[in-house]
Amino acid sequence: MDASKNHYDTLGVAPDATADQIRKAYRRLARKYHPDVSKEADAQTRMREINEAHEVLGDPARRAEYDAMAERLRRGATMGHGEGFAPPPGWEDGFSFFRSGGPGAGAEAPDLGAFFSDLFGAGAAGPVGGGAGRRARAATGEDRHAAIEVPLEFALAGGEREIQLQAVELDAGGRPRPVTRTLQVRVPRGVRPGQQIRLAGQGMPGIGGEPAGDLYLEVRIAPHPLYRVEGRDLVMDLPVTPAEAALGAEVEVPLPGGGTGQVKVPAAARAGMKLRLKGRGLGGDLYLVLSIAVAPADSAAARAAYEQLARATAGFDPRRDLGARSRTASTA
C-alpha cells in the first residue's frame, strides 16, 4: 500500500467521505474509464488507479491503515521500524501482506520492521542484520500470504500474468536487502475470489541454507461496472421498458468475456425477477435482475401515449394491498 498516493483525489472524494459516497464515486468513474466502454485515451491507466483507490478506501480496515500511514508521512516519519530496516518506496504496491497464520487469519496492518526481523528472531538488537544481538539459526523460510487483483475478464479466461514482487534476499553477510522479482503467475480459468495460487519458493528466504517458504496469492476480482461476483455466479442488473415487462420481449445483453446474447423476458415480468444464463459465470451462471426503466414523457407523443395507457389500465391499482400489509405488520 503506497501512502504517498492520494486515493481520495483519485476518486474525487473528501477524506471524510462516507462508504456510500466512495462506492458511488467509484461506480461513476468506472462507467467513464473502464477500457471496455471508455473512449478516453488514458482509460486503462486511469482505471488501474481508480481500482487501486477503491480497493483501499472501500475496505474499512485498509482505509484506516492507509490514513494512518499517510498521516505518518505528513509528519515526516519513515516507514521503518524504530532504528531498523526501512523498506524502499513501493514495497507493497499491488500486494497486501498477511501474517503467516494463513488466509483465515484475516488482514492486519503490516509491521514491516517485524517482517524483516523475523529473519533473525525476536531477540535481534539494533538494525536488522547488524549488532551482536543477532542470533544465527537454521530455519526454513516462512510462507507469506498476499493478495493479487485481476480483471473479471482475465478471471473468466485464465492465463499467464506477469507480476513484479518486491521481495527480500540475504546478502553474503546475512543481511536482508530488497530485490525486485518478476514472476509469471498462472491464473486458472474461472478462478473465484478467495482462491489461492501457490508460488513455491517465493516466500521468506531460509536461514542457514534451508529452503525458502512459499508465497500464497489470494485472488481478488477487480470491481466491474456491469457484473457483480457472487461466489461462482455473476449478477447483472437488466433494465427493461414497461412494455417489454408487460408483453414479454427478446432483448440483447452484453455477455461476460465479450459478445452479446439474446434473452427472453417473459410476459408479466416484475422488477426483481431473475433470469438465468447457464454457464456464463465463474464456473456458475449469470443472473440478470430485472428493473423497470420508465421513459420520460418529454414530448407530446410520449404524453399522449402515457395518457392512453392510463385510460386503458384505469382499473389497475398497484397500491391496493399497502393498507392490508400495514395492518398485518402492526399486529405481528
C-alpha atoms as a PDB file:
ATOM      1  CA  MET A   1       0.000   0.000   0.000  1.00  0.00           C
ATOM      2  CA  ASP A   2       1.530   3.286  -1.110  1.00  0.00           C
ATOM      3  CA  ALA A   3       0.501   6.045   1.290  1.00  0.00           C
ATOM      4  CA  SER A   4       2.157   8.670  -0.933  1.00  0.00           C
ATOM      5  CA  LYS A   5      -0.675   8.280  -3.461  1.00  0.00           C
ATOM      6  CA  ASN A   6      -3.745  10.355  -2.718  1.00  0.00           C
ATOM      7  CA  HIS A   7      -6.529   7.840  -3.272  1.00  0.00           C
ATOM      8  CA  TYR A   8      -9.143  10.386  -2.184  1.00  0.00           C
ATOM      9  CA  ASP A   9      -8.130  12.705  -5.036  1.00  0.00           C
ATOM     10  CA  THR A  10      -8.200   9.755  -7.452  1.00  0.00           C
ATOM     11  CA  LEU A  11     -11.859   9.093  -6.612  1.00  0.00           C
ATOM     12  CA  GLY A  12     -12.674  12.785  -6.244  1.00  0.00           C
ATOM     13  CA  VAL A  13     -13.964  12.483  -2.680  1.00  0.00           C
ATOM     14  CA  ALA A  14     -13.091  14.201   0.586  1.00  0.00           C
ATOM     15  CA  PRO A  15     -11.008  12.412   3.267  1.00  0.00           C
ATOM     16  CA  ASP A  16     -14.123  12.215   5.455  1.00  0.00           C
ATOM     17  CA  ALA A  17     -16.279  10.712   2.697  1.00  0.00           C
ATOM     18  CA  THR A  18     -18.739   8.033   3.735  1.00  0.00           C
ATOM     19  CA  ALA A  19     -18.548   4.471   2.442  1.00  0.00           C
ATOM     20  CA  ASP A  20     -21.606   5.144   0.268  1.00  0.00           C
ATOM     21  CA  GLN A  21     -20.002   8.263  -1.256  1.00  0.00           C
ATOM     22  CA  ILE A  22     -16.840   6.287  -2.051  1.00  0.00           C
ATOM     23  CA  ARG A  23     -18.877   3.499  -3.652  1.00  0.00           C
ATOM     24  CA  LYS A  24     -20.886   5.937  -5.787  1.00  0.00           C
ATOM     25  CA  ALA A  25     -17.738   7.808  -6.862  1.00  0.00           C
ATOM     26  CA  TYR A  26     -16.094   4.554  -7.906  1.00  0.00           C
ATOM     27  CA  ARG A  27     -19.106   3.441  -9.959  1.00  0.00           C
ATOM     28  CA  ARG A  28     -19.322   6.814 -11.685  1.00  0.00           C
ATOM     29  CA  LEU A  29     -15.641   6.760 -12.635  1.00  0.00           C
ATOM     30  CA  ALA A  30     -15.731   3.074 -13.647  1.00  0.00           C
ATOM     31  CA  ARG A  31     -18.528   3.819 -16.115  1.00  0.00           C
ATOM     32  CA  LYS A  32     -16.390   6.591 -17.606  1.00  0.00           C
ATOM     33  CA  TYR A  33     -12.961   4.928 -17.721  1.00  0.00           C
ATOM     34  CA  HIS A  34     -13.478   1.175 -17.969  1.00  0.00           C
ATOM     35  CA  PRO A  35     -11.493   0.115 -21.092  1.00  0.00           C
ATOM     36  CA  ASP A  36     -14.435  -1.912 -22.414  1.00  0.00           C
ATOM     37  CA  VAL A  37     -16.627   1.159 -22.751  1.00  0.00           C
ATOM     38  CA  SER A  38     -14.396   4.241 -22.493  1.00  0.00           C
ATOM     39  CA  LYS A  39     -13.072   6.281 -25.399  1.00  0.00           C
ATOM     40  CA  GLU A  40     -10.648   8.222 -23.182  1.00  0.00           C
ATOM     41  CA  ALA A  41      -7.007   7.945 -24.301  1.00  0.00           C
ATOM     42  CA  ASP A  42      -5.759   7.195 -20.784  1.00  0.00           C
ATOM     43  CA  ALA A  43      -8.658   4.936 -19.814  1.00  0.00           C
ATOM     44  CA  GLN A  44      -6.546   1.896 -18.906  1.00  0.00           C
ATOM     45  CA  THR A  45      -4.171   3.857 -16.681  1.00  0.00           C
ATOM     46  CA  ARG A  46      -6.977   5.769 -15.011  1.00  0.00           C
ATOM     47  CA  MET A  47      -8.984   2.587 -14.435  1.00  0.00           C
ATOM     48  CA  ARG A  48      -5.985   0.941 -12.788  1.00  0.00           C
ATOM     49  CA  GLU A  49      -5.608   3.954 -10.455  1.00  0.00           C
ATOM     50  CA  ILE A  50      -9.338   4.013  -9.744  1.00  0.00           C
ATOM     51  CA  ASN A  51      -9.379   0.286  -8.910  1.00  0.00           C
ATOM     52  CA  GLU A  52      -6.394   0.686  -6.605  1.00  0.00           C
ATOM     53  CA  ALA A  53      -8.014   3.605  -4.786  1.00  0.00           C
ATOM     54  CA  HIS A  54     -11.298   1.738  -4.387  1.00  0.00           C
ATOM     55  CA  GLU A  55      -9.519  -1.405  -3.206  1.00  0.00           C
ATOM     56  CA  VAL A  56      -8.004   0.621  -0.352  1.00  0.00           C
ATOM     57  CA  LEU A  57     -10.754   3.091   0.542  1.00  0.00           C
ATOM     58  CA  GLY A  58     -13.598   0.626   0.029  1.00  0.00           C
ATOM     59  CA  ASP A  59     -12.276  -1.650   2.786  1.00  0.00           C
ATOM     60  CA  PRO A  60     -12.661  -0.081   6.277  1.00  0.00           C
ATOM     61  CA  ALA A  61      -9.574  -1.830   7.695  1.00  0.00           C
ATOM     62  CA  ARG A  62      -7.337  -0.957   4.751  1.00  0.00           C
ATOM     63  CA  ARG A  63      -8.669   2.603   4.690  1.00  0.00           C
ATOM     64  CA  ALA A  64      -7.777   3.076   8.368  1.00  0.00           C
ATOM     65  CA  GLU A  65      -4.307   1.651   7.687  1.00  0.00           C
ATOM     66  CA  TYR A  66      -3.859   3.944   4.676  1.00  0.00           C
ATOM     67  CA  ASP A  67      -4.980   7.025   6.633  1.00  0.00           C
ATOM     68  CA  ALA A  68      -2.556   6.204   9.448  1.00  0.00           C
ATOM     69  CA  MET A  69       0.365   5.690   7.046  1.00  0.00           C
ATOM     70  CA  ALA A  70      -0.464   8.895   5.176  1.00  0.00           C
ATOM     71  CA  GLU A  71      -0.525  10.813   8.454  1.00  0.00           C
ATOM     72  CA  ARG A  72       2.898   9.450   9.361  1.00  0.00           C
ATOM     73  CA  LEU A  73       4.265  10.567   6.006  1.00  0.00           C
ATOM     74  CA  ARG A  74       2.799  14.023   6.500  1.00  0.00           C
ATOM     75  CA  ARG A  75       4.647  14.235   9.808  1.00  0.00           C
ATOM     76  CA  GLY A  76       7.892  13.256   8.122  1.00  0.00           C
ATOM     77  CA  ALA A  77       8.152   9.787   9.659  1.00  0.00           C
ATOM     78  CA  THR A  78       9.842   6.942   7.826  1.00  0.00           C
ATOM     79  CA  MET A  79       8.111   3.673   7.214  1.00  0.00           C
ATOM     80  CA  GLY A  80      10.789   1.773   9.096  1.00  0.00           C
ATOM     81  CA  HIS A  81      10.601   0.143  12.488  1.00  0.00           C
ATOM     82  CA  GLY A  82      12.463   2.142  15.111  1.00  0.00           C
ATOM     83  CA  GLU A  83      16.131   2.175  14.042  1.00  0.00           C
ATOM     84  CA  GLY A  84      15.657  -0.941  11.937  1.00  0.00           C
ATOM     85  CA  PHE A  85      15.493  -1.610   8.243  1.00  0.00           C
ATOM     86  CA  ALA A  86      13.361   0.850   6.257  1.00  0.00           C
ATOM     87  CA  PRO A  87      11.834  -0.841   3.221  1.00  0.00           C
ATOM     88  CA  PRO A  88      12.065   1.019  -0.078  1.00  0.00           C
ATOM     89  CA  PRO A  89       9.177   3.024  -1.547  1.00  0.00           C
ATOM     90  CA  GLY A  90       6.636   0.866  -3.324  1.00  0.00           C
ATOM     91  CA  TRP A  91       7.445  -2.214  -1.219  1.00  0.00           C
ATOM     92  CA  GLU A  92       3.817  -3.261  -1.036  1.00  0.00           C
ATOM     93  CA  ASP A  93       2.495  -1.916  -4.333  1.00  0.00           C
ATOM     94  CA  GLY A  94      -0.060  -4.385  -5.632  1.00  0.00           C
ATOM     95  CA  PHE A  95       0.178  -6.690  -2.612  1.00  0.00           C
ATOM     96  CA  SER A  96      -1.497  -6.790   0.779  1.00  0.00           C
ATOM     97  CA  PHE A  97       0.569  -8.929   3.102  1.00  0.00           C
ATOM     98  CA  PHE A  98      -0.959 -11.114   5.797  1.00  0.00           C
ATOM     99  CA  ARG A  99       0.599 -12.723   8.808  1.00  0.00           C
ATOM    100  CA  SER A 100       1.588 -16.314   8.318  1.00  0.00           C
ATOM    101  CA  GLY A 101      -1.437 -17.658  10.169  1.00  0.00           C
ATOM    102  CA  GLY A 102      -2.922 -18.300   6.730  1.00  0.00           C
ATOM    103  CA  PRO A 103      -5.769 -16.862   4.726  1.00  0.00           C
ATOM    104  CA  GLY A 104      -8.262 -17.419   7.509  1.00  0.00           C
ATOM    105  CA  ALA A 105      -6.286 -15.249   9.899  1.00  0.00           C
ATOM    106  CA  GLY A 106      -7.564 -12.048   8.334  1.00  0.00           C
ATOM    107  CA  ALA A 107      -5.666  -8.967   7.224  1.00  0.00           C
ATOM    108  CA  GLU A 108      -3.684  -6.963   9.721  1.00  0.00           C
ATOM    109  CA  ALA A 109      -1.816  -3.697   9.499  1.00  0.00           C
ATOM    110  CA  PRO A 110       1.651  -4.572   8.218  1.00  0.00           C
ATOM    111  CA  ASP A 111       4.545  -4.310  10.670  1.00  0.00           C
ATOM    112  CA  LEU A 112       7.346  -4.161   8.132  1.00  0.00           C
ATOM    113  CA  GLY A 113      10.084  -3.929  10.743  1.00  0.00           C
ATOM    114  CA  ALA A 114       8.861  -7.143  12.308  1.00  0.00           C
ATOM    115  CA  PHE A 115       8.591  -8.634   8.826  1.00  0.00           C
ATOM    116  CA  PHE A 116      12.339  -8.256   8.370  1.00  0.00           C
ATOM    117  CA  SER A 117      13.294  -9.045  11.955  1.00  0.00           C
ATOM    118  CA  ASP A 118      11.507 -12.401  11.585  1.00  0.00           C
ATOM    119  CA  LEU A 119      14.568 -13.452   9.619  1.00  0.00           C
ATOM    120  CA  PHE A 120      16.653 -13.406  12.790  1.00  0.00           C
ATOM    121  CA  GLY A 121      14.234 -13.966  15.647  1.00  0.00           C
ATOM    122  CA  ALA A 122      12.650 -11.682  18.232  1.00  0.00           C
ATOM    123  CA  GLY A 123      15.956 -11.267  20.092  1.00  0.00           C
ATOM    124  CA  ALA A 124      17.578  -9.211  17.348  1.00  0.00           C
ATOM    125  CA  ALA A 125      19.043  -5.945  18.589  1.00  0.00           C
ATOM    126  CA  GLY A 126      19.655  -2.756  16.650  1.00  0.00           C
ATOM    127  CA  PRO A 127      19.191  -2.584  12.886  1.00  0.00           C
ATOM    128  CA  VAL A 128      18.073  -5.798  11.284  1.00  0.00           C
ATOM    129  CA  GLY A 129      21.145  -7.744  10.256  1.00  0.00           C
ATOM    130  CA  GLY A 130      23.508  -5.689  12.471  1.00  0.00           C
ATOM    131  CA  GLY A 131      24.823  -5.809  16.018  1.00  0.00           C
ATOM    132  CA  ALA A 132      25.964  -8.624  18.192  1.00  0.00           C
ATOM    133  CA  GLY A 133      22.425  -9.383  19.304  1.00  0.00           C
ATOM    134  CA  ARG A 134      21.552 -11.204  16.075  1.00  0.00           C
ATOM    135  CA  ARG A 135      21.111 -14.926  16.631  1.00  0.00           C
ATOM    136  CA  ALA A 136      22.093 -17.087  13.696  1.00  0.00           C
ATOM    137  CA  ARG A 137      19.860 -20.129  13.387  1.00  0.00           C
ATOM    138  CA  ALA A 138      18.918 -22.505  10.618  1.00  0.00           C
ATOM    139  CA  ALA A 139      15.274 -22.369   9.651  1.00  0.00           C
ATOM    140  CA  THR A 140      13.051 -22.932   6.643  1.00  0.00           C
ATOM    141  CA  GLY A 141      11.701 -19.652   5.293  1.00  0.00           C
ATOM    142  CA  GLU A 142       8.208 -18.707   6.364  1.00  0.00           C
ATOM    143  CA  ASP A 143       5.319 -18.796   3.948  1.00  0.00           C
ATOM    144  CA  ARG A 144       3.857 -15.451   3.024  1.00  0.00           C
ATOM    145  CA  HIS A 145       0.314 -14.552   2.037  1.00  0.00           C
ATOM    146  CA  ALA A 146      -0.591 -11.719  -0.292  1.00  0.00           C
ATOM    147  CA  ALA A 147      -3.467 -10.591  -2.466  1.00  0.00           C
ATOM    148  CA  ILE A 148      -3.469 -10.153  -6.230  1.00  0.00           C
ATOM    149  CA  GLU A 149      -6.285  -8.443  -8.102  1.00  0.00           C
ATOM    150  CA  VAL A 150      -7.224  -9.485 -11.632  1.00  0.00           C
ATOM    151  CA  PRO A 151      -9.873  -8.105 -14.005  1.00  0.00           C
ATOM    152  CA  LEU A 152     -13.050 -10.142 -14.311  1.00  0.00           C
ATOM    153  CA  GLU A 153     -12.352 -10.839 -17.986  1.00  0.00           C
ATOM    154  CA  PHE A 154      -8.969 -12.331 -17.080  1.00  0.00           C
ATOM    155  CA  ALA A 155     -10.517 -14.485 -14.358  1.00  0.00           C
ATOM    156  CA  LEU A 156     -13.041 -15.838 -16.863  1.00  0.00           C
ATOM    157  CA  ALA A 157     -10.445 -16.774 -19.478  1.00  0.00           C
ATOM    158  CA  GLY A 158      -7.460 -17.591 -17.250  1.00  0.00           C
ATOM    159  CA  GLY A 159      -3.886 -17.484 -18.466  1.00  0.00           C
ATOM    160  CA  GLU A 160      -0.418 -16.248 -17.594  1.00  0.00           C
ATOM    161  CA  ARG A 161       0.005 -12.944 -15.808  1.00  0.00           C
ATOM    162  CA  GLU A 162       3.294 -11.193 -15.081  1.00  0.00           C
ATOM    163  CA  ILE A 163       3.691  -9.550 -11.688  1.00  0.00           C
ATOM    164  CA  GLN A 164       6.535  -7.678 -10.065  1.00  0.00           C
ATOM    165  CA  LEU A 165       7.139  -8.547  -6.441  1.00  0.00           C
ATOM    166  CA  GLN A 166       9.263  -6.545  -4.036  1.00  0.00           C
ATOM    167  CA  ALA A 167      10.967  -9.339  -2.128  1.00  0.00           C
ATOM    168  CA  VAL A 168      13.851  -9.843   0.296  1.00  0.00           C
ATOM    169  CA  GLU A 169      17.080 -11.759  -0.095  1.00  0.00           C
ATOM    170  CA  LEU A 170      20.044 -12.221   2.219  1.00  0.00           C
ATOM    171  CA  ASP A 171      23.402 -10.938   1.060  1.00  0.00           C
ATOM    172  CA  ALA A 172      26.745 -12.675   1.669  1.00  0.00           C
ATOM    173  CA  GLY A 173      26.896 -11.175   5.164  1.00  0.00           C
ATOM    174  CA  GLY A 174      23.448 -12.458   6.082  1.00  0.00           C
ATOM    175  CA  ARG A 175      21.825  -9.026   5.906  1.00  0.00           C
ATOM    176  CA  PRO A 176      18.462  -8.527   4.199  1.00  0.00           C
ATOM    177  CA  ARG A 177      18.297  -6.500   1.003  1.00  0.00           C
ATOM    178  CA  PRO A 178      15.283  -5.663  -1.160  1.00  0.00           C
ATOM    179  CA  VAL A 179      15.115  -7.087  -4.657  1.00  0.00           C
ATOM    180  CA  THR A 180      12.512  -6.912  -7.397  1.00  0.00           C
ATOM    181  CA  ARG A 181      11.375 -10.220  -8.814  1.00  0.00           C
ATOM    182  CA  THR A 182       9.361 -10.609 -11.984  1.00  0.00           C
ATOM    183  CA  LEU A 183       7.178 -13.685 -11.715  1.00  0.00           C
ATOM    184  CA  GLN A 184       4.825 -15.453 -14.099  1.00  0.00           C
ATOM    185  CA  VAL A 185       1.592 -16.401 -12.361  1.00  0.00           C
ATOM    186  CA  ARG A 186      -0.757 -18.899 -13.950  1.00  0.00           C
ATOM    187  CA  VAL A 187      -4.333 -17.894 -13.171  1.00  0.00           C
ATOM    188  CA  PRO A 188      -6.728 -20.816 -13.715  1.00  0.00           C
ATOM    189  CA  ARG A 189      -9.812 -20.294 -15.832  1.00  0.00           C
ATOM    190  CA  GLY A 190     -12.888 -19.442 -13.766  1.00  0.00           C
ATOM    191  CA  VAL A 191     -10.891 -18.559 -10.634  1.00  0.00           C
ATOM    192  CA  ARG A 192     -13.085 -17.161  -7.870  1.00  0.00           C
ATOM    193  CA  PRO A 193     -12.442 -14.558  -5.179  1.00  0.00           C
ATOM    194  CA  GLY A 194     -10.675 -16.056  -2.192  1.00  0.00           C
ATOM    195  CA  GLN A 195      -8.995 -18.881  -4.074  1.00  0.00           C
ATOM    196  CA  GLN A 196      -5.236 -19.105  -3.635  1.00  0.00           C
ATOM    197  CA  ILE A 197      -2.360 -19.550  -6.059  1.00  0.00           C
ATOM    198  CA  ARG A 198       0.827 -21.066  -4.625  1.00  0.00           C
ATOM    199  CA  LEU A 199       4.236 -19.922  -5.830  1.00  0.00           C
ATOM    200  CA  ALA A 200       6.784 -22.363  -4.452  1.00  0.00           C
ATOM    201  CA  GLY A 201       9.963 -20.855  -3.032  1.00  0.00           C
ATOM    202  CA  GLN A 202       8.818 -17.247  -3.325  1.00  0.00           C
ATOM    203  CA  GLY A 203       8.177 -16.655   0.369  1.00  0.00           C
ATOM    204  CA  MET A 204      10.673 -15.614   3.038  1.00  0.00           C
ATOM    205  CA  PRO A 205      14.244 -16.822   2.423  1.00  0.00           C
ATOM    206  CA  GLY A 206      15.542 -19.679   4.515  1.00  0.00           C
ATOM    207  CA  ILE A 207      18.366 -19.276   7.017  1.00  0.00           C
ATOM    208  CA  GLY A 208      21.475 -21.427   7.197  1.00  0.00           C
ATOM    209  CA  GLY A 209      20.989 -22.990   3.794  1.00  0.00           C
ATOM    210  CA  GLU A 210      17.392 -24.034   4.427  1.00  0.00           C
ATOM    211  CA  PRO A 211      14.832 -23.646   1.590  1.00  0.00           C
ATOM    212  CA  ALA A 212      12.650 -20.577   1.162  1.00  0.00           C
ATOM    213  CA  GLY A 213       8.998 -20.615   2.052  1.00  0.00           C
ATOM    214  CA  ASP A 214       6.142 -20.300  -0.403  1.00  0.00           C
ATOM    215  CA  LEU A 215       4.067 -17.329  -1.468  1.00  0.00           C
ATOM    216  CA  TYR A 216       0.291 -17.761  -1.488  1.00  0.00           C
ATOM    217  CA  LEU A 217      -1.627 -15.266  -3.592  1.00  0.00           C
ATOM    218  CA  GLU A 218      -5.259 -14.766  -2.640  1.00  0.00           C
ATOM    219  CA  VAL A 219      -7.183 -13.874  -5.775  1.00  0.00           C
ATOM    220  CA  ARG A 220      -9.395 -10.827  -5.795  1.00  0.00           C
ATOM    221  CA  ILE A 221     -11.601  -9.821  -8.709  1.00  0.00           C
ATOM    222  CA  ALA A 222     -11.485  -6.145  -9.637  1.00  0.00           C
ATOM    223  CA  PRO A 223     -14.890  -4.443  -9.440  1.00  0.00           C
ATOM    224  CA  HIS A 224     -16.663  -4.367 -12.789  1.00  0.00           C
ATOM    225  CA  PRO A 225     -19.116  -1.692 -13.981  1.00  0.00           C
ATOM    226  CA  LEU A 226     -21.661  -4.302 -15.152  1.00  0.00           C
ATOM    227  CA  TYR A 227     -21.228  -7.555 -13.247  1.00  0.00           C
ATOM    228  CA  ARG A 228     -21.128  -8.448  -9.556  1.00  0.00           C
ATOM    229  CA  VAL A 229     -19.405 -11.611  -8.356  1.00  0.00           C
ATOM    230  CA  GLU A 230     -21.418 -13.811  -6.003  1.00  0.00           C
ATOM    231  CA  GLY A 231     -19.486 -16.997  -5.387  1.00  0.00           C
ATOM    232  CA  ARG A 232     -19.379 -18.940  -8.661  1.00  0.00           C
ATOM    233  CA  ASP A 233     -22.118 -16.793 -10.205  1.00  0.00           C
ATOM    234  CA  LEU A 234     -22.223 -13.359 -11.811  1.00  0.00           C
ATOM    235  CA  VAL A 235     -25.110 -10.925 -11.392  1.00  0.00           C
ATOM    236  CA  MET A 236     -26.077  -8.045 -13.680  1.00  0.00           C
ATOM    237  CA  ASP A 237     -28.938  -5.544 -13.473  1.00  0.00           C
ATOM    238  CA  LEU A 238     -31.025  -5.611 -16.663  1.00  0.00           C
ATOM    239  CA  PRO A 239     -33.356  -2.654 -17.290  1.00  0.00           C
ATOM    240  CA  VAL A 240     -36.438  -3.275 -19.433  1.00  0.00           C
ATOM    241  CA  THR A 241     -39.252  -0.993 -20.551  1.00  0.00           C
ATOM    242  CA  PRO A 242     -42.763  -1.286 -19.088  1.00  0.00           C
ATOM    243  CA  ALA A 243     -43.956  -2.657 -22.442  1.00  0.00           C
ATOM    244  CA  GLU A 244     -41.214  -5.299 -22.518  1.00  0.00           C
ATOM    245  CA  ALA A 245     -42.054  -6.335 -18.965  1.00  0.00           C
ATOM    246  CA  ALA A 246     -45.813  -6.468 -19.597  1.00  0.00           C
ATOM    247  CA  LEU A 247     -45.846  -8.113 -23.026  1.00  0.00           C
ATOM    248  CA  GLY A 248     -42.595 -10.036 -22.957  1.00  0.00           C
ATOM    249  CA  ALA A 249     -39.704  -9.483 -25.352  1.00  0.00           C
ATOM    250  CA  GLU A 250     -36.335 -10.673 -26.540  1.00  0.00           C
ATOM    251  CA  VAL A 251     -33.601  -8.239 -25.594  1.00  0.00           C
ATOM    252  CA  GLU A 252     -29.880  -8.134 -26.314  1.00  0.00           C
ATOM    253  CA  VAL A 253     -27.473  -8.186 -23.373  1.00  0.00           C
ATOM    254  CA  PRO A 254     -23.666  -7.959 -23.115  1.00  0.00           C
ATOM    255  CA  LEU A 255     -22.048 -11.228 -22.041  1.00  0.00           C
ATOM    256  CA  PRO A 256     -19.117 -11.641 -19.641  1.00  0.00           C
ATOM    257  CA  GLY A 257     -15.906 -12.033 -21.569  1.00  0.00           C
ATOM    258  CA  GLY A 258     -17.248 -10.237 -24.649  1.00  0.00           C
ATOM    259  CA  GLY A 259     -20.014 -10.511 -27.200  1.00  0.00           C
ATOM    260  CA  THR A 260     -23.762 -10.283 -26.781  1.00  0.00           C
ATOM    261  CA  GLY A 261     -26.656 -12.691 -26.424  1.00  0.00           C
ATOM    262  CA  GLN A 262     -30.432 -12.715 -26.738  1.00  0.00           C
ATOM    263  CA  VAL A 263     -32.503 -13.117 -23.579  1.00  0.00           C
ATOM    264  CA  LYS A 264     -36.226 -13.786 -23.452  1.00  0.00           C
ATOM    265  CA  VAL A 265     -38.104 -11.633 -20.945  1.00  0.00           C
ATOM    266  CA  PRO A 266     -41.377 -13.388 -20.042  1.00  0.00           C
ATOM    267  CA  ALA A 267     -44.701 -11.589 -20.178  1.00  0.00           C
ATOM    268  CA  ALA A 268     -45.874 -10.027 -16.893  1.00  0.00           C
ATOM    269  CA  ALA A 269     -42.270  -9.810 -15.692  1.00  0.00           C
ATOM    270  CA  ARG A 270     -41.722  -7.937 -12.436  1.00  0.00           C
ATOM    271  CA  ALA A 271     -38.892  -5.805 -11.122  1.00  0.00           C
ATOM    272  CA  GLY A 272     -36.508  -8.002  -9.159  1.00  0.00           C
ATOM    273  CA  MET A 273     -37.213 -11.126 -11.216  1.00  0.00           C
ATOM    274  CA  LYS A 274     -34.059 -13.085 -12.056  1.00  0.00           C
ATOM    275  CA  LEU A 275     -33.314 -14.614 -15.422  1.00  0.00           C
ATOM    276  CA  ARG A 276     -30.546 -17.226 -15.602  1.00  0.00           C
ATOM    277  CA  LEU A 277     -27.988 -17.749 -18.340  1.00  0.00           C
ATOM    278  CA  LYS A 278     -26.477 -21.131 -17.596  1.00  0.00           C
ATOM    279  CA  GLY A 279     -22.697 -21.490 -17.569  1.00  0.00           C
ATOM    280  CA  ARG A 280     -21.925 -17.801 -18.022  1.00  0.00           C
ATOM    281  CA  GLY A 281     -20.404 -17.225 -14.569  1.00  0.00           C
ATOM    282  CA  LEU A 282     -17.131 -18.160 -12.884  1.00  0.00           C
ATOM    283  CA  GLY A 283     -17.913 -21.832 -13.116  1.00  0.00           C
ATOM    284  CA  GLY A 284     -21.529 -20.988 -12.338  1.00  0.00           C
ATOM    285  CA  ASP A 285     -24.266 -18.974 -14.032  1.00  0.00           C
ATOM    286  CA  LEU A 286     -25.079 -15.384 -14.969  1.00  0.00           C
ATOM    287  CA  TYR A 287     -28.203 -13.967 -13.305  1.00  0.00           C
ATOM    288  CA  LEU A 288     -29.982 -10.960 -14.813  1.00  0.00           C
ATOM    289  CA  VAL A 289     -32.015  -8.969 -12.277  1.00  0.00           C
ATOM    290  CA  LEU A 290     -34.846  -7.089 -13.987  1.00  0.00           C
ATOM    291  CA  SER A 291     -35.605  -3.462 -13.287  1.00  0.00           C
ATOM    292  CA  ILE A 292     -38.303  -1.356 -14.932  1.00  0.00           C
ATOM    293  CA  ALA A 293     -36.985   1.691 -16.779  1.00  0.00           C
ATOM    294  CA  VAL A 294     -39.698   4.294 -17.454  1.00  0.00           C
ATOM    295  CA  ALA A 295     -39.219   6.577 -20.459  1.00  0.00           C
ATOM    296  CA  PRO A 296     -39.729  10.292 -19.763  1.00  0.00           C
ATOM    297  CA  ALA A 297     -42.888  11.989 -21.016  1.00  0.00           C
ATOM    298  CA  ASP A 298     -40.854  14.710 -22.712  1.00  0.00           C
ATOM    299  CA  SER A 299     -42.795  15.049 -25.926  1.00  0.00           C
ATOM    300  CA  ALA A 300     -46.407  15.458 -26.948  1.00  0.00           C
ATOM    301  CA  ALA A 301     -46.440  11.972 -28.468  1.00  0.00           C
ATOM    302  CA  ALA A 302     -44.990  10.410 -25.321  1.00  0.00           C
ATOM    303  CA  ARG A 303     -47.508  12.200 -23.077  1.00  0.00           C
ATOM    304  CA  ALA A 304     -50.377  11.119 -25.312  1.00  0.00           C
ATOM    305  CA  ALA A 305     -49.180   7.511 -25.188  1.00  0.00           C
ATOM    306  CA  TYR A 306     -48.991   7.597 -21.371  1.00  0.00           C
ATOM    307  CA  GLU A 307     -52.453   9.142 -21.133  1.00  0.00           C
ATOM    308  CA  GLN A 308     -53.844   6.416 -23.379  1.00  0.00           C
ATOM    309  CA  LEU A 309     -52.122   3.775 -21.252  1.00  0.00           C
ATOM    310  CA  ALA A 310     -53.564   5.298 -18.103  1.00  0.00           C
ATOM    311  CA  ARG A 311     -57.086   5.123 -19.530  1.00  0.00           C
ATOM    312  CA  ALA A 312     -56.592   1.558 -20.730  1.00  0.00           C
ATOM    313  CA  THR A 313     -55.365   0.393 -17.286  1.00  0.00           C
ATOM    314  CA  ALA A 314     -57.646   2.557 -15.146  1.00  0.00           C
ATOM    315  CA  GLY A 315     -58.756  -0.459 -13.102  1.00  0.00           C
ATOM    316  CA  PHE A 316     -55.219  -1.360 -12.059  1.00  0.00           C
ATOM    317  CA  ASP A 317     -54.102  -0.030  -8.651  1.00  0.00           C
ATOM    318  CA  PRO A 318     -50.519  -1.040  -7.745  1.00  0.00           C
ATOM    319  CA  ARG A 319     -51.042   0.266  -4.164  1.00  0.00           C
ATOM    320  CA  ARG A 320     -54.221  -1.583  -3.306  1.00  0.00           C
ATOM    321  CA  ASP A 321     -52.517  -4.010  -0.903  1.00  0.00           C
ATOM    322  CA  LEU A 322     -50.495  -1.439   1.036  1.00  0.00           C
ATOM    323  CA  GLY A 323     -53.170  -0.893   3.692  1.00  0.00           C
ATOM    324  CA  ALA A 324     -53.618  -4.617   4.317  1.00  0.00           C
ATOM    325  CA  ARG A 325     -49.863  -5.138   4.584  1.00  0.00           C
ATOM    326  CA  SER A 326     -49.568  -2.279   7.047  1.00  0.00           C
ATOM    327  CA  ARG A 327     -52.308  -3.724   9.274  1.00  0.00           C
ATOM    328  CA  THR A 328     -50.693  -7.179   9.147  1.00  0.00           C
ATOM    329  CA  ALA A 329     -47.331  -5.727  10.179  1.00  0.00           C
ATOM    330  CA  SER A 330     -48.804  -3.764  13.083  1.00  0.00           C
ATOM    331  CA  THR A 331     -50.454  -6.845  14.583  1.00  0.00           C
ATOM    332  CA  ALA A 332     -47.432  -9.105  14.170  1.00  0.00           C
END
